[in-house]
Amino acid sequence: MKCPFCGYTESKVIDTRPTDEGERIRRRRECLQCGKRFTSYEVVETTPVMVIKKDGSREAFSHDKLLRGVLKSCEKRPVTLAQLESMVSEIEVELQNRMDREVPSAVIGELVMEKLKKIDQVAYVRFASVYREFKDINSFLQELKVILEHEKS
């Protein structure tokens, strides 16, 4: 494993444990050259899910890319990284369990919004505003009305 600090390729494993979902193995490592510690994750390799983007292009699903997008919507919100990691892992498992190997990005966006709404409504609205590309304040208000009506019921 290559050290992210100095680039040396030798390290020793200090601690190994499964993540909460049991889908990954977390390994705490120490570089044998610079002595700094870092964390790596092992994941069972599966057939990749291909994401069909809005423009018709395709790319492999990326756990990290989805997590980065969700993190942006949760900036300065009382949402833990563990909650977001768990949410993204749940979405990844759902996608892996589908029969389709190609999934439109719209399906992933809807899954994120469904789960994010339960975690933090402000983060949900932030994500929705980018994902749904609100053109004006009226479309933004429309989404807020849907949230408020859902809360009343």
Protein backbone atom coordinates (compact mmCIF):
# COMPACT_ATOMS: atom_id res chain seq x y z
CA MET A 1 0.00 0.00 0.00
CA LYS A 2 1.47 3.33 -1.07
CA CYS A 3 1.88 5.91 1.71
CA PRO A 4 -0.22 9.04 0.96
CA PHE A 5 2.39 11.22 2.70
CA CYS A 6 5.75 10.12 1.29
CA GLY A 7 4.81 7.65 -1.47
CA TYR A 8 6.76 4.74 -0.01
CA THR A 9 5.21 1.39 -0.97
CA GLU A 10 5.79 -0.56 2.23
CA SER A 11 3.56 -0.27 5.30
CA LYS A 12 2.50 -2.45 8.19
CA VAL A 13 -1.06 -3.09 9.32
CA ILE A 14 -1.63 -1.93 12.90
CA ASP A 15 -5.37 -2.63 13.24
CA THR A 16 -8.03 -4.38 11.16
CA ARG A 17 -11.80 -4.25 11.67
CA PRO A 18 -14.96 -4.55 9.62
CA THR A 19 -16.99 -1.39 9.02
CA ASP A 20 -20.48 -1.06 10.52
CA GLU A 21 -22.16 -2.58 7.49
CA GLY A 22 -19.61 -5.39 7.19
CA GLU A 23 -19.21 -4.51 3.52
CA ARG A 24 -15.66 -3.23 3.92
CA ILE A 25 -12.61 -3.89 6.01
CA ARG A 26 -10.91 -0.90 7.59
CA ARG A 27 -7.16 -1.19 8.04
CA ARG A 28 -5.05 1.23 10.05
CA ARG A 29 -1.53 1.29 8.57
CA GLU A 30 1.85 2.78 9.41
CA CYS A 31 4.40 3.72 6.75
CA LEU A 32 7.70 1.93 7.26
CA GLN A 33 9.67 4.93 5.93
CA CYS A 34 8.11 8.09 7.41
CA GLY A 35 6.19 6.46 10.30
CA LYS A 36 2.95 8.31 9.60
CA ARG A 37 -0.34 6.47 9.97
CA PHE A 38 -3.21 6.27 7.51
CA THR A 39 -6.40 4.30 6.95
CA SER A 40 -7.23 2.08 3.99
CA TYR A 41 -10.41 0.20 3.14
CA GLU A 42 -10.79 -3.16 1.42
CA VAL A 43 -13.90 -3.80 -0.63
CA VAL A 44 -14.99 -6.97 -2.37
CA GLU A 45 -14.69 -6.34 -6.08
CA THR A 46 -17.97 -6.70 -7.89
CA THR A 47 -19.24 -6.06 -11.38
CA PRO A 48 -19.28 -2.28 -11.65
CA VAL A 49 -22.54 -0.42 -11.91
CA MET A 50 -22.43 2.02 -14.80
CA VAL A 51 -24.08 5.40 -14.34
CA ILE A 52 -25.86 6.86 -17.36
CA LYS A 53 -25.39 10.61 -17.06
CA LYS A 54 -27.81 13.30 -18.31
CA ASP A 55 -25.76 13.81 -21.48
CA GLY A 56 -25.92 10.08 -22.29
CA SER A 57 -22.31 9.34 -21.38
CA ARG A 58 -21.51 6.48 -19.02
CA GLU A 59 -19.09 6.17 -16.13
CA ALA A 60 -18.53 3.65 -13.36
CA PHE A 61 -20.36 4.36 -10.10
CA SER A 62 -18.01 5.98 -7.58
CA HIS A 63 -18.70 5.73 -3.86
CA ASP A 64 -16.25 8.57 -3.21
CA LYS A 65 -17.73 10.87 -5.85
CA LEU A 66 -21.24 10.43 -4.43
CA LEU A 67 -19.95 11.00 -0.88
CA ARG A 68 -18.19 14.22 -1.96
CA GLY A 69 -21.41 15.50 -3.53
CA VAL A 70 -23.44 14.74 -0.44
CA LEU A 71 -20.78 16.26 1.82
CA LYS A 72 -21.14 19.58 -0.01
CA SER A 73 -24.86 19.70 0.74
CA CYS A 74 -24.18 18.95 4.42
CA GLU A 75 -21.55 21.62 5.05
CA LYS A 76 -22.09 23.37 8.39
CA ARG A 77 -24.99 21.03 9.22
CA PRO A 78 -25.24 18.70 12.24
CA VAL A 79 -24.68 15.60 10.12
CA THR A 80 -21.83 13.22 10.91
CA LEU A 81 -19.51 11.71 8.36
CA ALA A 82 -20.53 8.29 9.67
CA GLN A 83 -24.18 9.02 8.79
CA LEU A 84 -23.22 10.04 5.26
CA GLU A 85 -20.86 7.09 4.79
CA SER A 86 -23.64 4.77 5.88
CA MET A 87 -26.15 6.45 3.55
CA VAL A 88 -23.83 6.24 0.53
CA SER A 89 -23.01 2.59 1.34
CA GLU A 90 -26.73 1.78 1.53
CA ILE A 91 -27.26 3.38 -1.89
CA GLU A 92 -24.29 1.48 -3.31
CA VAL A 93 -25.67 -1.83 -1.99
CA GLU A 94 -29.11 -1.03 -3.44
CA LEU A 95 -27.55 -0.35 -6.83
CA GLN A 96 -25.44 -3.53 -6.69
CA ASN A 97 -28.55 -5.58 -5.83
CA ARG A 98 -30.46 -4.35 -8.89
CA MET A 99 -30.55 -6.53 -11.93
CA ASP A 100 -29.57 -3.61 -14.16
CA ARG A 101 -25.85 -2.97 -14.52
CA GLU A 102 -26.60 0.49 -15.92
CA VAL A 103 -28.48 3.02 -13.81
CA PRO A 104 -29.54 6.54 -14.84
CA SER A 105 -28.04 9.28 -12.66
CA ALA A 106 -31.62 10.44 -12.00
CA VAL A 107 -32.32 7.19 -10.09
CA ILE A 108 -29.25 7.76 -7.91
CA GLY A 109 -30.25 11.38 -7.30
CA GLU A 110 -33.71 10.31 -6.18
CA LEU A 111 -32.25 7.70 -3.81
CA VAL A 112 -29.95 10.33 -2.30
CA MET A 113 -32.80 12.81 -1.82
CA GLU A 114 -35.05 10.16 -0.26
CA LYS A 115 -32.41 9.23 2.31
CA LEU A 116 -31.08 12.77 2.85
CA LYS A 117 -34.58 14.06 3.62
CA LYS A 118 -34.65 11.72 6.65
CA ILE A 119 -31.22 12.84 7.87
CA ASP A 120 -31.36 16.63 7.44
CA GLN A 121 -33.98 18.68 5.61
CA VAL A 122 -31.73 21.67 4.95
CA ALA A 123 -29.10 19.41 3.37
CA TYR A 124 -31.90 17.78 1.38
CA VAL A 125 -33.04 21.16 -0.01
CA ARG A 126 -29.44 22.08 -0.84
CA PHE A 127 -28.91 18.81 -2.69
CA ALA A 128 -32.28 19.09 -4.44
CA SER A 129 -31.55 22.64 -5.58
CA VAL A 130 -28.43 21.49 -7.41
CA TYR A 131 -29.79 18.12 -8.54
CA ARG A 132 -33.12 19.45 -9.82
CA GLU A 133 -31.48 22.60 -11.19
CA PHE A 134 -34.02 25.06 -9.78
CA LYS A 135 -34.31 27.88 -12.28
CA ASP A 136 -35.99 30.41 -10.02
CA ILE A 137 -37.37 31.00 -6.53
CA ASN A 138 -40.80 29.60 -7.48
CA SER A 139 -39.42 26.13 -8.22
CA PHE A 140 -37.50 26.32 -4.94
CA LEU A 141 -40.68 27.29 -3.06
CA GLN A 142 -42.56 24.45 -4.72
CA GLU A 143 -40.07 21.96 -3.27
CA LEU A 144 -40.35 23.54 0.19
CA LYS A 145 -44.15 23.22 0.02
CA VAL A 146 -43.82 19.52 -0.72
CA ILE A 147 -41.61 19.11 2.37
CA LEU A 148 -44.01 21.08 4.58
CA GLU A 149 -47.05 19.11 3.35
CA HIS A 150 -45.21 15.85 3.97
CA GLU A 151 -44.43 16.94 7.56
CA LYS A 152 -48.09 17.70 8.28
CA SER A 153 -49.23 14.22 7.28
